[in-house]
Amino acid sequence: MPLRHQPAPPTPWDSDLDQPIIAASAYVHPQCSLIGDVQLGENVIVAPNTSIRADEGAPFYIGANTNIQDGVVIHGLEQGRILGDDQKAYSVWIGHDTCITHMALIHGPAYVGNECFIGFRSTVFNAQVGYGCIVMMHALIQDVEIPAGKYVPSGAVITTQQAADRLPDAKDSDGRRPVFDHRTFSHHVVQVNQALRAGYRCSDGIACATALQNSVSSNGSSNGFRSVSQNGKTDQLQTDIVDIIRQQLRQGHHIGLEFADTRRFKVGSWQSGPTIASTHEAQVLTQVEQFVTNHPGDYVRLLSIDPRAKQRQLEKIIQKPE
């Protein structure tokens, strides 16, 4: 089998021999070439027969929970950099919770934002793809900036900014779901690849018990509730709750929380919790998780608040005691 990863070779433009930096929870298949200054975030999975080669343009960054599927090529030109979300220069930046699917080519300088889907055999070269974009199969994106939340159909050739600006939204502006909900599909692909990552780590003897426990937890049915057992231990937030939070944040809403013990719940008397000031997804999810952990014997209700109208847009119970 090829080496799983190796340093970049010495060249006239770079003699540092940079090594890949791989998060402990990531999984890189042995039949993958991973070369040079590449940073892989938590829970990344890199599938067989991929080539991620930061030996010319560098560095590369691949964010948490992103999947790099079979046959993907990621490379970069010696010249040209883009600005990553951390405000540093990169040859290639790929955000978190993004799918780079079979045989796609990401050639730097290139930026692919958080929660994007890049379809089979599509190419992104000298371009930026904004947050939440859906790029279908055999598309070419070159020398442009795709605005956030856009949909690129199969076979599209987007090489002028005018064409990029005319692209439709990935979902109707009024929130209606199309016949095939591409964003839900993209989230599903992320979840499937997280299960694969856990399975591969298990088969390699890495954190196998943890992988199996997480698989049972994520596949268990709780009708969207976070359940609390009698010993006070809780599961992670359910996927549909995470999706609701993401959707509300995209609409510019703030997330609030309320709680009630069994007696108060029966009479509809909820106690106020925090309204989370941050609109950064990871921070919000962390605070929601912490709040429900701190109220193991209570019902917990999630609120979505429109800050302009100062009105609640959503109320959903996300935890109930067993």
C-alpha atoms as a PDB file:
ATOM      1  CA  MET A   1       0.000   0.000   0.000  1.00  0.00           C
ATOM      2  CA  PRO A   2       1.196   3.585  -0.607  1.00  0.00           C
ATOM      3  CA  LEU A   3       2.359   5.710   2.299  1.00  0.00           C
ATOM      4  CA  ARG A   4      -0.542   7.260   4.142  1.00  0.00           C
ATOM      5  CA  HIS A   5       1.215  10.616   4.330  1.00  0.00           C
ATOM      6  CA  GLN A   6       4.641  12.125   3.747  1.00  0.00           C
ATOM      7  CA  PRO A   7       6.416  15.488   3.751  1.00  0.00           C
ATOM      8  CA  ALA A   8       6.593  17.728   0.719  1.00  0.00           C
ATOM      9  CA  PRO A   9       9.777  17.286  -1.330  1.00  0.00           C
ATOM     10  CA  PRO A  10      12.368  20.096  -1.303  1.00  0.00           C
ATOM     11  CA  THR A  11      11.826  22.504  -4.196  1.00  0.00           C
ATOM     12  CA  PRO A  12      13.290  25.858  -5.286  1.00  0.00           C
ATOM     13  CA  TRP A  13      10.217  27.619  -3.832  1.00  0.00           C
ATOM     14  CA  ASP A  14       9.900  25.615  -0.599  1.00  0.00           C
ATOM     15  CA  SER A  15      12.557  23.645   1.264  1.00  0.00           C
ATOM     16  CA  ASP A  16      10.743  23.287   4.604  1.00  0.00           C
ATOM     17  CA  LEU A  17       9.712  19.616   4.145  1.00  0.00           C
ATOM     18  CA  ASP A  18       6.317  20.319   5.752  1.00  0.00           C
ATOM     19  CA  GLN A  19       4.403  17.317   7.088  1.00  0.00           C
ATOM     20  CA  PRO A  20       0.611  16.841   7.083  1.00  0.00           C
ATOM     21  CA  ILE A  21      -1.139  17.670  10.359  1.00  0.00           C
ATOM     22  CA  ILE A  22      -3.974  15.221  10.994  1.00  0.00           C
ATOM     23  CA  ALA A  23      -6.505  15.551  13.813  1.00  0.00           C
ATOM     24  CA  ALA A  24      -6.696  12.521  16.083  1.00  0.00           C
ATOM     25  CA  SER A  25     -10.331  11.818  15.118  1.00  0.00           C
ATOM     26  CA  ALA A  26      -9.727  12.033  11.342  1.00  0.00           C
ATOM     27  CA  TYR A  27      -9.344   8.970   9.143  1.00  0.00           C
ATOM     28  CA  VAL A  28      -7.036   8.791   6.117  1.00  0.00           C
ATOM     29  CA  HIS A  29      -7.288   5.600   4.073  1.00  0.00           C
ATOM     30  CA  PRO A  30      -3.944   3.832   3.443  1.00  0.00           C
ATOM     31  CA  GLN A  31      -4.536   4.027  -0.316  1.00  0.00           C
ATOM     32  CA  CYS A  32      -4.486   7.825  -0.264  1.00  0.00           C
ATOM     33  CA  SER A  33      -1.581  10.135  -1.117  1.00  0.00           C
ATOM     34  CA  LEU A  34      -1.351  12.936   1.442  1.00  0.00           C
ATOM     35  CA  ILE A  35       1.720  15.085   0.895  1.00  0.00           C
ATOM     36  CA  GLY A  36       3.048  18.288   2.388  1.00  0.00           C
ATOM     37  CA  ASP A  37       1.534  21.120   4.409  1.00  0.00           C
ATOM     38  CA  VAL A  38      -2.028  19.800   4.719  1.00  0.00           C
ATOM     39  CA  GLN A  39      -4.130  20.310   7.840  1.00  0.00           C
ATOM     40  CA  LEU A  40      -7.048  17.921   8.402  1.00  0.00           C
ATOM     41  CA  GLY A  41      -9.639  18.931  11.019  1.00  0.00           C
ATOM     42  CA  GLU A  42     -11.576  16.780  13.449  1.00  0.00           C
ATOM     43  CA  ASN A  43     -13.640  13.904  11.999  1.00  0.00           C
ATOM     44  CA  VAL A  44     -12.416  14.384   8.425  1.00  0.00           C
ATOM     45  CA  ILE A  45     -12.509  11.240   6.265  1.00  0.00           C
ATOM     46  CA  VAL A  46     -10.237  10.827   3.237  1.00  0.00           C
ATOM     47  CA  ALA A  47     -11.287   7.901   1.029  1.00  0.00           C
ATOM     48  CA  PRO A  48      -9.137   5.526  -1.071  1.00  0.00           C
ATOM     49  CA  ASN A  49      -7.309   6.652  -4.226  1.00  0.00           C
ATOM     50  CA  THR A  50      -7.391  10.353  -3.423  1.00  0.00           C
ATOM     51  CA  SER A  51      -4.435  12.653  -4.030  1.00  0.00           C
ATOM     52  CA  ILE A  52      -3.997  15.645  -1.716  1.00  0.00           C
ATOM     53  CA  ARG A  53      -0.651  17.060  -2.734  1.00  0.00           C
ATOM     54  CA  ALA A  54       0.606  20.311  -1.209  1.00  0.00           C
ATOM     55  CA  ASP A  55       4.016  20.087  -2.875  1.00  0.00           C
ATOM     56  CA  GLU A  56       3.631  23.103  -5.169  1.00  0.00           C
ATOM     57  CA  GLY A  57       0.956  25.416  -3.813  1.00  0.00           C
ATOM     58  CA  ALA A  58       0.572  25.287  -0.029  1.00  0.00           C
ATOM     59  CA  PRO A  59      -0.797  25.185   2.612  1.00  0.00           C
ATOM     60  CA  PHE A  60      -4.097  23.304   2.389  1.00  0.00           C
ATOM     61  CA  TYR A  61      -6.817  23.311   5.050  1.00  0.00           C
ATOM     62  CA  ILE A  62      -9.725  20.838   5.273  1.00  0.00           C
ATOM     63  CA  GLY A  63     -12.284  21.588   7.989  1.00  0.00           C
ATOM     64  CA  ALA A  64     -14.033  19.394  10.536  1.00  0.00           C
ATOM     65  CA  ASN A  65     -16.551  16.720   9.433  1.00  0.00           C
ATOM     66  CA  THR A  66     -15.664  17.154   5.757  1.00  0.00           C
ATOM     67  CA  ASN A  67     -15.436  14.094   3.515  1.00  0.00           C
ATOM     68  CA  ILE A  68     -12.993  13.722   0.621  1.00  0.00           C
ATOM     69  CA  GLN A  69     -14.304  10.866  -1.509  1.00  0.00           C
ATOM     70  CA  ASP A  70     -12.687   8.316  -3.826  1.00  0.00           C
ATOM     71  CA  GLY A  71     -10.533   9.659  -6.636  1.00  0.00           C
ATOM     72  CA  VAL A  72     -10.578  13.305  -5.567  1.00  0.00           C
ATOM     73  CA  VAL A  73      -7.523  15.373  -6.539  1.00  0.00           C
ATOM     74  CA  ILE A  74      -6.547  18.447  -4.526  1.00  0.00           C
ATOM     75  CA  HIS A  75      -3.538  20.404  -5.750  1.00  0.00           C
ATOM     76  CA  GLY A  76      -2.429  24.025  -6.048  1.00  0.00           C
ATOM     77  CA  LEU A  77      -0.353  26.295  -8.252  1.00  0.00           C
ATOM     78  CA  GLU A  78       2.890  27.659  -6.854  1.00  0.00           C
ATOM     79  CA  GLN A  79       1.540  31.176  -7.369  1.00  0.00           C
ATOM     80  CA  GLY A  80      -1.770  32.468  -6.022  1.00  0.00           C
ATOM     81  CA  ARG A  81      -3.375  32.297  -2.589  1.00  0.00           C
ATOM     82  CA  ILE A  82      -6.828  32.777  -1.101  1.00  0.00           C
ATOM     83  CA  LEU A  83      -7.845  33.999   2.341  1.00  0.00           C
ATOM     84  CA  GLY A  84      -9.125  31.308   4.688  1.00  0.00           C
ATOM     85  CA  ASP A  85     -11.765  31.856   7.350  1.00  0.00           C
ATOM     86  CA  ASP A  86      -8.944  32.341   9.872  1.00  0.00           C
ATOM     87  CA  GLN A  87      -7.694  35.295   7.772  1.00  0.00           C
ATOM     88  CA  LYS A  88      -4.500  33.465   6.750  1.00  0.00           C
ATOM     89  CA  ALA A  89      -3.302  32.737   3.215  1.00  0.00           C
ATOM     90  CA  TYR A  90      -3.884  29.271   1.729  1.00  0.00           C
ATOM     91  CA  SER A  91      -3.526  27.599  -1.616  1.00  0.00           C
ATOM     92  CA  VAL A  92      -6.660  25.548  -0.882  1.00  0.00           C
ATOM     93  CA  TRP A  93      -9.236  26.095   1.858  1.00  0.00           C
ATOM     94  CA  ILE A  94     -12.149  23.683   2.300  1.00  0.00           C
ATOM     95  CA  GLY A  95     -14.568  24.456   5.137  1.00  0.00           C
ATOM     96  CA  HIS A  96     -16.324  22.237   7.630  1.00  0.00           C
ATOM     97  CA  ASP A  97     -19.215  19.812   6.913  1.00  0.00           C
ATOM     98  CA  THR A  98     -18.457  19.856   3.186  1.00  0.00           C
ATOM     99  CA  CYS A  99     -18.639  17.014   0.662  1.00  0.00           C
ATOM    100  CA  ILE A 100     -15.988  16.742  -2.066  1.00  0.00           C
ATOM    101  CA  THR A 101     -17.387  13.790  -3.981  1.00  0.00           C
ATOM    102  CA  HIS A 102     -15.977  11.146  -6.306  1.00  0.00           C
ATOM    103  CA  MET A 103     -13.374  12.284  -8.869  1.00  0.00           C
ATOM    104  CA  ALA A 104     -13.802  16.003  -8.179  1.00  0.00           C
ATOM    105  CA  LEU A 105     -10.808  18.312  -8.741  1.00  0.00           C
ATOM    106  CA  ILE A 106     -10.078  21.208  -6.399  1.00  0.00           C
ATOM    107  CA  HIS A 107      -7.107  23.118  -7.786  1.00  0.00           C
ATOM    108  CA  GLY A 108      -5.727  26.084  -5.926  1.00  0.00           C
ATOM    109  CA  PRO A 109      -5.916  28.861  -5.523  1.00  0.00           C
ATOM    110  CA  ALA A 110      -9.374  27.708  -4.459  1.00  0.00           C
ATOM    111  CA  TYR A 111     -11.810  28.295  -1.596  1.00  0.00           C
ATOM    112  CA  VAL A 112     -14.789  26.039  -0.830  1.00  0.00           C
ATOM    113  CA  GLY A 113     -16.934  27.239   2.076  1.00  0.00           C
ATOM    114  CA  ASN A 114     -18.664  25.458   4.926  1.00  0.00           C
ATOM    115  CA  GLU A 115     -21.515  23.011   4.193  1.00  0.00           C
ATOM    116  CA  CYS A 116     -20.890  22.851   0.451  1.00  0.00           C
ATOM    117  CA  PHE A 117     -21.449  19.920  -1.896  1.00  0.00           C
ATOM    118  CA  ILE A 118     -19.094  19.476  -4.883  1.00  0.00           C
ATOM    119  CA  GLY A 119     -20.509  16.822  -7.217  1.00  0.00           C
ATOM    120  CA  PHE A 120     -18.877  13.978  -9.103  1.00  0.00           C
ATOM    121  CA  ARG A 121     -16.092  15.004 -11.535  1.00  0.00           C
ATOM    122  CA  SER A 122     -16.685  18.719 -11.011  1.00  0.00           C
ATOM    123  CA  THR A 123     -13.743  21.136 -11.087  1.00  0.00           C
ATOM    124  CA  VAL A 124     -13.066  24.207  -8.959  1.00  0.00           C
ATOM    125  CA  PHE A 125      -9.993  26.138 -10.151  1.00  0.00           C
ATOM    126  CA  ASN A 126      -8.870  29.645  -9.205  1.00  0.00           C
ATOM    127  CA  ALA A 127     -12.310  30.237  -7.737  1.00  0.00           C
ATOM    128  CA  GLN A 128     -14.277  30.697  -4.550  1.00  0.00           C
ATOM    129  CA  VAL A 129     -17.434  28.754  -3.713  1.00  0.00           C
ATOM    130  CA  GLY A 130     -19.411  30.382  -0.910  1.00  0.00           C
ATOM    131  CA  TYR A 131     -21.097  28.908   2.152  1.00  0.00           C
ATOM    132  CA  GLY A 132     -23.819  26.344   1.533  1.00  0.00           C
ATOM    133  CA  CYS A 133     -23.438  26.065  -2.245  1.00  0.00           C
ATOM    134  CA  ILE A 134     -24.553  22.943  -4.088  1.00  0.00           C
ATOM    135  CA  VAL A 135     -22.463  22.091  -7.170  1.00  0.00           C
ATOM    136  CA  MET A 136     -23.789  19.111  -9.090  1.00  0.00           C
ATOM    137  CA  MET A 137     -21.947  16.746 -11.448  1.00  0.00           C
ATOM    138  CA  HIS A 138     -19.434  17.539 -14.239  1.00  0.00           C
ATOM    139  CA  ALA A 139     -19.487  21.287 -13.590  1.00  0.00           C
ATOM    140  CA  LEU A 140     -16.588  23.698 -14.189  1.00  0.00           C
ATOM    141  CA  ILE A 141     -16.101  26.676 -11.870  1.00  0.00           C
ATOM    142  CA  GLN A 142     -13.118  28.817 -12.817  1.00  0.00           C
ATOM    143  CA  ASP A 143     -11.964  32.414 -12.203  1.00  0.00           C
ATOM    144  CA  VAL A 144     -15.151  33.408 -10.342  1.00  0.00           C
ATOM    145  CA  GLU A 145     -16.675  33.858  -6.888  1.00  0.00           C
ATOM    146  CA  ILE A 146     -19.889  31.895  -6.368  1.00  0.00           C
ATOM    147  CA  PRO A 147     -22.073  33.718  -3.803  1.00  0.00           C
ATOM    148  CA  ALA A 148     -23.243  31.828  -0.736  1.00  0.00           C
ATOM    149  CA  GLY A 149     -26.206  29.482  -1.036  1.00  0.00           C
ATOM    150  CA  LYS A 150     -26.194  29.074  -4.831  1.00  0.00           C
ATOM    151  CA  TYR A 151     -27.025  26.029  -6.951  1.00  0.00           C
ATOM    152  CA  VAL A 152     -24.803  24.997  -9.889  1.00  0.00           C
ATOM    153  CA  PRO A 153     -26.552  22.442 -12.129  1.00  0.00           C
ATOM    154  CA  SER A 154     -24.846  19.424 -13.674  1.00  0.00           C
ATOM    155  CA  GLY A 155     -22.674  20.227 -16.673  1.00  0.00           C
ATOM    156  CA  ALA A 156     -22.634  23.976 -16.018  1.00  0.00           C
ATOM    157  CA  VAL A 157     -19.599  25.985 -17.129  1.00  0.00           C
ATOM    158  CA  ILE A 158     -19.218  29.009 -14.867  1.00  0.00           C
ATOM    159  CA  THR A 159     -16.209  31.034 -16.012  1.00  0.00           C
ATOM    160  CA  THR A 160     -17.520  34.612 -15.847  1.00  0.00           C
ATOM    161  CA  GLN A 161     -18.682  36.536 -12.797  1.00  0.00           C
ATOM    162  CA  GLN A 162     -21.862  37.477 -14.638  1.00  0.00           C
ATOM    163  CA  ALA A 163     -22.758  33.779 -14.990  1.00  0.00           C
ATOM    164  CA  ALA A 164     -21.924  33.194 -11.313  1.00  0.00           C
ATOM    165  CA  ASP A 165     -24.165  36.048 -10.189  1.00  0.00           C
ATOM    166  CA  ARG A 166     -27.119  34.671 -12.192  1.00  0.00           C
ATOM    167  CA  LEU A 167     -27.076  31.254 -10.512  1.00  0.00           C
ATOM    168  CA  PRO A 168     -30.280  30.250  -8.684  1.00  0.00           C
ATOM    169  CA  ASP A 169     -30.476  29.692  -4.962  1.00  0.00           C
ATOM    170  CA  ALA A 170     -29.950  26.184  -3.658  1.00  0.00           C
ATOM    171  CA  LYS A 171     -33.376  26.469  -2.015  1.00  0.00           C
ATOM    172  CA  ASP A 172     -36.314  28.713  -2.854  1.00  0.00           C
ATOM    173  CA  SER A 173     -36.092  32.058  -1.085  1.00  0.00           C
ATOM    174  CA  ASP A 174     -39.432  31.463   0.636  1.00  0.00           C
ATOM    175  CA  GLY A 175     -38.080  28.258   2.201  1.00  0.00           C
ATOM    176  CA  ARG A 176     -40.142  25.791   0.147  1.00  0.00           C
ATOM    177  CA  ARG A 177     -38.414  22.517  -0.541  1.00  0.00           C
ATOM    178  CA  PRO A 178     -37.809  21.580  -4.183  1.00  0.00           C
ATOM    179  CA  VAL A 179     -38.797  18.135  -5.464  1.00  0.00           C
ATOM    180  CA  PHE A 180     -35.279  16.919  -4.661  1.00  0.00           C
ATOM    181  CA  ASP A 181     -33.881  18.698  -1.603  1.00  0.00           C
ATOM    182  CA  HIS A 182     -30.192  18.965  -2.439  1.00  0.00           C
ATOM    183  CA  ARG A 183     -29.240  20.503   0.904  1.00  0.00           C
ATOM    184  CA  THR A 184     -30.848  17.698   2.897  1.00  0.00           C
ATOM    185  CA  PHE A 185     -29.076  15.232   0.607  1.00  0.00           C
ATOM    186  CA  SER A 186     -25.737  16.964   1.253  1.00  0.00           C
ATOM    187  CA  HIS A 187     -26.271  16.795   5.031  1.00  0.00           C
ATOM    188  CA  HIS A 188     -27.177  13.113   4.663  1.00  0.00           C
ATOM    189  CA  VAL A 189     -23.922  12.450   2.779  1.00  0.00           C
ATOM    190  CA  VAL A 190     -21.956  14.094   5.609  1.00  0.00           C
ATOM    191  CA  GLN A 191     -23.700  11.855   8.155  1.00  0.00           C
ATOM    192  CA  VAL A 192     -23.117   8.687   6.110  1.00  0.00           C
ATOM    193  CA  ASN A 193     -19.428   9.503   5.745  1.00  0.00           C
ATOM    194  CA  GLN A 194     -19.129  10.112   9.487  1.00  0.00           C
ATOM    195  CA  ALA A 195     -20.468   6.589  10.019  1.00  0.00           C
ATOM    196  CA  LEU A 196     -17.926   5.291   7.486  1.00  0.00           C
ATOM    197  CA  ARG A 197     -15.129   7.160   9.260  1.00  0.00           C
ATOM    198  CA  ALA A 198     -16.087   5.530  12.556  1.00  0.00           C
ATOM    199  CA  GLY A 199     -16.282   2.120  10.885  1.00  0.00           C
ATOM    200  CA  TYR A 200     -12.874   2.460   9.210  1.00  0.00           C
ATOM    201  CA  ARG A 201     -11.288   3.571  12.484  1.00  0.00           C
ATOM    202  CA  CYS A 202     -12.895   0.589  14.167  1.00  0.00           C
ATOM    203  CA  SER A 203     -11.626  -1.877  11.548  1.00  0.00           C
ATOM    204  CA  ASP A 204      -8.133  -0.418  11.995  1.00  0.00           C
ATOM    205  CA  GLY A 205      -8.394  -0.888  15.748  1.00  0.00           C
ATOM    206  CA  ILE A 206      -8.712   2.858  16.488  1.00  0.00           C
ATOM    207  CA  ALA A 207     -11.292   3.831  19.120  1.00  0.00           C
ATOM    208  CA  CYS A 208     -13.508   0.928  18.111  1.00  0.00           C
ATOM    209  CA  ALA A 209     -15.658   0.909  21.215  1.00  0.00           C
ATOM    210  CA  THR A 210     -16.320   4.629  20.875  1.00  0.00           C
ATOM    211  CA  ALA A 211     -17.254   4.210  17.229  1.00  0.00           C
ATOM    212  CA  LEU A 212     -19.765   1.487  17.995  1.00  0.00           C
ATOM    213  CA  GLN A 213     -21.310   3.437  20.866  1.00  0.00           C
ATOM    214  CA  ASN A 214     -21.696   6.554  18.719  1.00  0.00           C
ATOM    215  CA  SER A 215     -23.229   4.499  15.915  1.00  0.00           C
ATOM    216  CA  VAL A 216     -25.848   3.041  18.257  1.00  0.00           C
ATOM    217  CA  SER A 217     -26.588   6.491  19.703  1.00  0.00           C
ATOM    218  CA  SER A 218     -26.967   8.191  16.307  1.00  0.00           C
ATOM    219  CA  ASN A 219     -29.154   5.445  14.862  1.00  0.00           C
ATOM    220  CA  GLY A 220     -31.451   5.201  17.881  1.00  0.00           C
ATOM    221  CA  SER A 221     -34.963   6.583  17.513  1.00  0.00           C
ATOM    222  CA  SER A 222     -36.026   9.340  19.889  1.00  0.00           C
ATOM    223  CA  ASN A 223     -38.506  11.240  17.703  1.00  0.00           C
ATOM    224  CA  GLY A 224     -36.209  14.247  17.651  1.00  0.00           C
ATOM    225  CA  PHE A 225     -35.934  14.520  21.446  1.00  0.00           C
ATOM    226  CA  ARG A 226     -32.763  14.339  23.472  1.00  0.00           C
ATOM    227  CA  SER A 227     -33.559  11.709  26.115  1.00  0.00           C
ATOM    228  CA  VAL A 228     -32.133  11.640  29.623  1.00  0.00           C
ATOM    229  CA  SER A 229     -31.640   8.289  31.313  1.00  0.00           C
ATOM    230  CA  GLN A 230     -32.137   7.638  35.005  1.00  0.00           C
ATOM    231  CA  ASN A 231     -28.401   7.841  35.691  1.00  0.00           C
ATOM    232  CA  GLY A 232     -28.351  11.398  34.342  1.00  0.00           C
ATOM    233  CA  LYS A 233     -26.365  10.627  31.193  1.00  0.00           C
ATOM    234  CA  THR A 234     -27.506  12.123  27.893  1.00  0.00           C
ATOM    235  CA  ASP A 235     -27.049  11.473  24.186  1.00  0.00           C
ATOM    236  CA  GLN A 236     -25.706  14.085  21.786  1.00  0.00           C
ATOM    237  CA  LEU A 237     -28.129  16.478  20.114  1.00  0.00           C
ATOM    238  CA  GLN A 238     -30.212  14.694  17.520  1.00  0.00           C
ATOM    239  CA  THR A 239     -29.446  15.418  13.872  1.00  0.00           C
ATOM    240  CA  ASP A 240     -32.826  17.022  13.208  1.00  0.00           C
ATOM    241  CA  ILE A 241     -32.289  19.438  16.114  1.00  0.00           C
ATOM    242  CA  VAL A 242     -28.885  20.418  14.724  1.00  0.00           C
ATOM    243  CA  ASP A 243     -30.480  20.973  11.301  1.00  0.00           C
ATOM    244  CA  ILE A 244     -33.196  23.174  12.823  1.00  0.00           C
ATOM    245  CA  ILE A 245     -30.599  25.303  14.609  1.00  0.00           C
ATOM    246  CA  ARG A 246     -28.581  25.665  11.396  1.00  0.00           C
ATOM    247  CA  GLN A 247     -31.674  26.672   9.438  1.00  0.00           C
ATOM    248  CA  GLN A 248     -32.712  29.289  12.000  1.00  0.00           C
ATOM    249  CA  LEU A 249     -29.210  30.781  12.140  1.00  0.00           C
ATOM    250  CA  ARG A 250     -29.139  31.059   8.333  1.00  0.00           C
ATOM    251  CA  GLN A 251     -32.336  33.103   8.537  1.00  0.00           C
ATOM    252  CA  GLY A 252     -30.627  35.543  10.903  1.00  0.00           C
ATOM    253  CA  HIS A 253     -32.553  34.397  13.981  1.00  0.00           C
ATOM    254  CA  HIS A 254     -31.170  34.072  17.506  1.00  0.00           C
ATOM    255  CA  ILE A 255     -31.455  30.873  19.528  1.00  0.00           C
ATOM    256  CA  GLY A 256     -32.982  30.927  23.008  1.00  0.00           C
ATOM    257  CA  LEU A 257     -33.710  28.249  25.592  1.00  0.00           C
ATOM    258  CA  GLU A 258     -36.313  27.566  28.279  1.00  0.00           C
ATOM    259  CA  PHE A 259     -36.696  24.773  30.811  1.00  0.00           C
ATOM    260  CA  ALA A 260     -39.355  23.266  33.061  1.00  0.00           C
ATOM    261  CA  ASP A 261     -39.507  20.468  35.595  1.00  0.00           C
ATOM    262  CA  THR A 262     -42.288  17.896  35.300  1.00  0.00           C
ATOM    263  CA  ARG A 263     -44.712  19.862  37.492  1.00  0.00           C
ATOM    264  CA  ARG A 264     -44.201  23.127  35.632  1.00  0.00           C
ATOM    265  CA  PHE A 265     -44.333  21.344  32.265  1.00  0.00           C
ATOM    266  CA  LYS A 266     -47.802  19.962  33.027  1.00  0.00           C
ATOM    267  CA  VAL A 267     -49.174  23.478  33.556  1.00  0.00           C
ATOM    268  CA  GLY A 268     -47.144  25.119  30.789  1.00  0.00           C
ATOM    269  CA  SER A 269     -45.043  27.252  33.124  1.00  0.00           C
ATOM    270  CA  TRP A 270     -41.625  27.515  31.474  1.00  0.00           C
ATOM    271  CA  GLN A 271     -38.615  29.185  33.094  1.00  0.00           C
ATOM    272  CA  SER A 272     -36.427  31.445  30.984  1.00  0.00           C
ATOM    273  CA  GLY A 273     -32.957  30.356  29.974  1.00  0.00           C
ATOM    274  CA  PRO A 274     -30.360  32.267  27.959  1.00  0.00           C
ATOM    275  CA  THR A 275     -30.770  33.888  24.561  1.00  0.00           C
ATOM    276  CA  ILE A 276     -27.503  33.033  22.840  1.00  0.00           C
ATOM    277  CA  ALA A 277     -25.820  36.164  21.513  1.00  0.00           C
ATOM    278  CA  SER A 278     -23.498  34.356  19.113  1.00  0.00           C
ATOM    279  CA  THR A 279     -24.639  33.477  15.590  1.00  0.00           C
ATOM    280  CA  HIS A 280     -21.633  31.212  14.956  1.00  0.00           C
ATOM    281  CA  GLU A 281     -22.982  27.698  14.478  1.00  0.00           C
ATOM    282  CA  ALA A 282     -20.323  25.823  16.441  1.00  0.00           C
ATOM    283  CA  GLN A 283     -20.596  28.173  19.416  1.00  0.00           C
ATOM    284  CA  VAL A 284     -24.394  28.006  19.438  1.00  0.00           C
ATOM    285  CA  LEU A 285     -24.434  24.204  19.292  1.00  0.00           C
ATOM    286  CA  THR A 286     -21.906  24.038  22.117  1.00  0.00           C
ATOM    287  CA  GLN A 287     -23.998  26.332  24.322  1.00  0.00           C
ATOM    288  CA  VAL A 288     -27.213  24.434  23.596  1.00  0.00           C
ATOM    289  CA  GLU A 289     -25.456  21.158  24.395  1.00  0.00           C
ATOM    290  CA  GLN A 290     -24.105  22.607  27.644  1.00  0.00           C
ATOM    291  CA  PHE A 291     -27.527  23.935  28.669  1.00  0.00           C
ATOM    292  CA  VAL A 292     -29.290  20.619  28.244  1.00  0.00           C
ATOM    293  CA  THR A 293     -26.433  18.850  30.028  1.00  0.00           C
ATOM    294  CA  ASN A 294     -26.954  21.186  32.978  1.00  0.00           C
ATOM    295  CA  HIS A 295     -30.705  20.361  33.113  1.00  0.00           C
ATOM    296  CA  PRO A 296     -30.771  16.546  33.071  1.00  0.00           C
ATOM    297  CA  GLY A 297     -34.109  16.220  34.888  1.00  0.00           C
ATOM    298  CA  ASP A 298     -35.963  18.948  33.007  1.00  0.00           C
ATOM    299  CA  TYR A 299     -37.816  19.495  29.788  1.00  0.00           C
ATOM    300  CA  VAL A 300     -35.863  21.887  27.555  1.00  0.00           C
ATOM    301  CA  ARG A 301     -37.439  23.996  24.811  1.00  0.00           C
ATOM    302  CA  LEU A 302     -35.555  25.591  21.920  1.00  0.00           C
ATOM    303  CA  LEU A 303     -36.650  29.028  20.734  1.00  0.00           C
ATOM    304  CA  SER A 304     -35.929  30.818  17.471  1.00  0.00           C
ATOM    305  CA  ILE A 305     -36.207  34.581  17.848  1.00  0.00           C
ATOM    306  CA  ASP A 306     -36.344  37.148  15.042  1.00  0.00           C
ATOM    307  CA  PRO A 307     -34.204  40.007  16.429  1.00  0.00           C
ATOM    308  CA  ARG A 308     -35.796  42.578  14.106  1.00  0.00           C
ATOM    309  CA  ALA A 309     -39.412  41.768  14.892  1.00  0.00           C
ATOM    310  CA  LYS A 310     -38.514  40.686  18.449  1.00  0.00           C
ATOM    311  CA  GLN A 311     -40.872  37.755  18.050  1.00  0.00           C
ATOM    312  CA  ARG A 312     -40.573  34.019  18.468  1.00  0.00           C
ATOM    313  CA  GLN A 313     -40.554  32.170  15.174  1.00  0.00           C
ATOM    314  CA  LEU A 314     -40.217  28.644  16.545  1.00  0.00           C
ATOM    315  CA  GLU A 315     -40.710  26.705  19.764  1.00  0.00           C
ATOM    316  CA  LYS A 316     -39.520  23.089  19.925  1.00  0.00           C
ATOM    317  CA  ILE A 317     -38.984  20.725  22.853  1.00  0.00           C
ATOM    318  CA  ILE A 318     -35.513  19.229  22.435  1.00  0.00           C
ATOM    319  CA  GLN A 319     -35.172  17.326  25.719  1.00  0.00           C
ATOM    320  CA  LYS A 320     -37.545  15.435  27.931  1.00  0.00           C
ATOM    321  CA  PRO A 321     -36.778  13.286  30.985  1.00  0.00           C
ATOM    322  CA  GLU A 322     -37.495   9.597  30.546  1.00  0.00           C
END
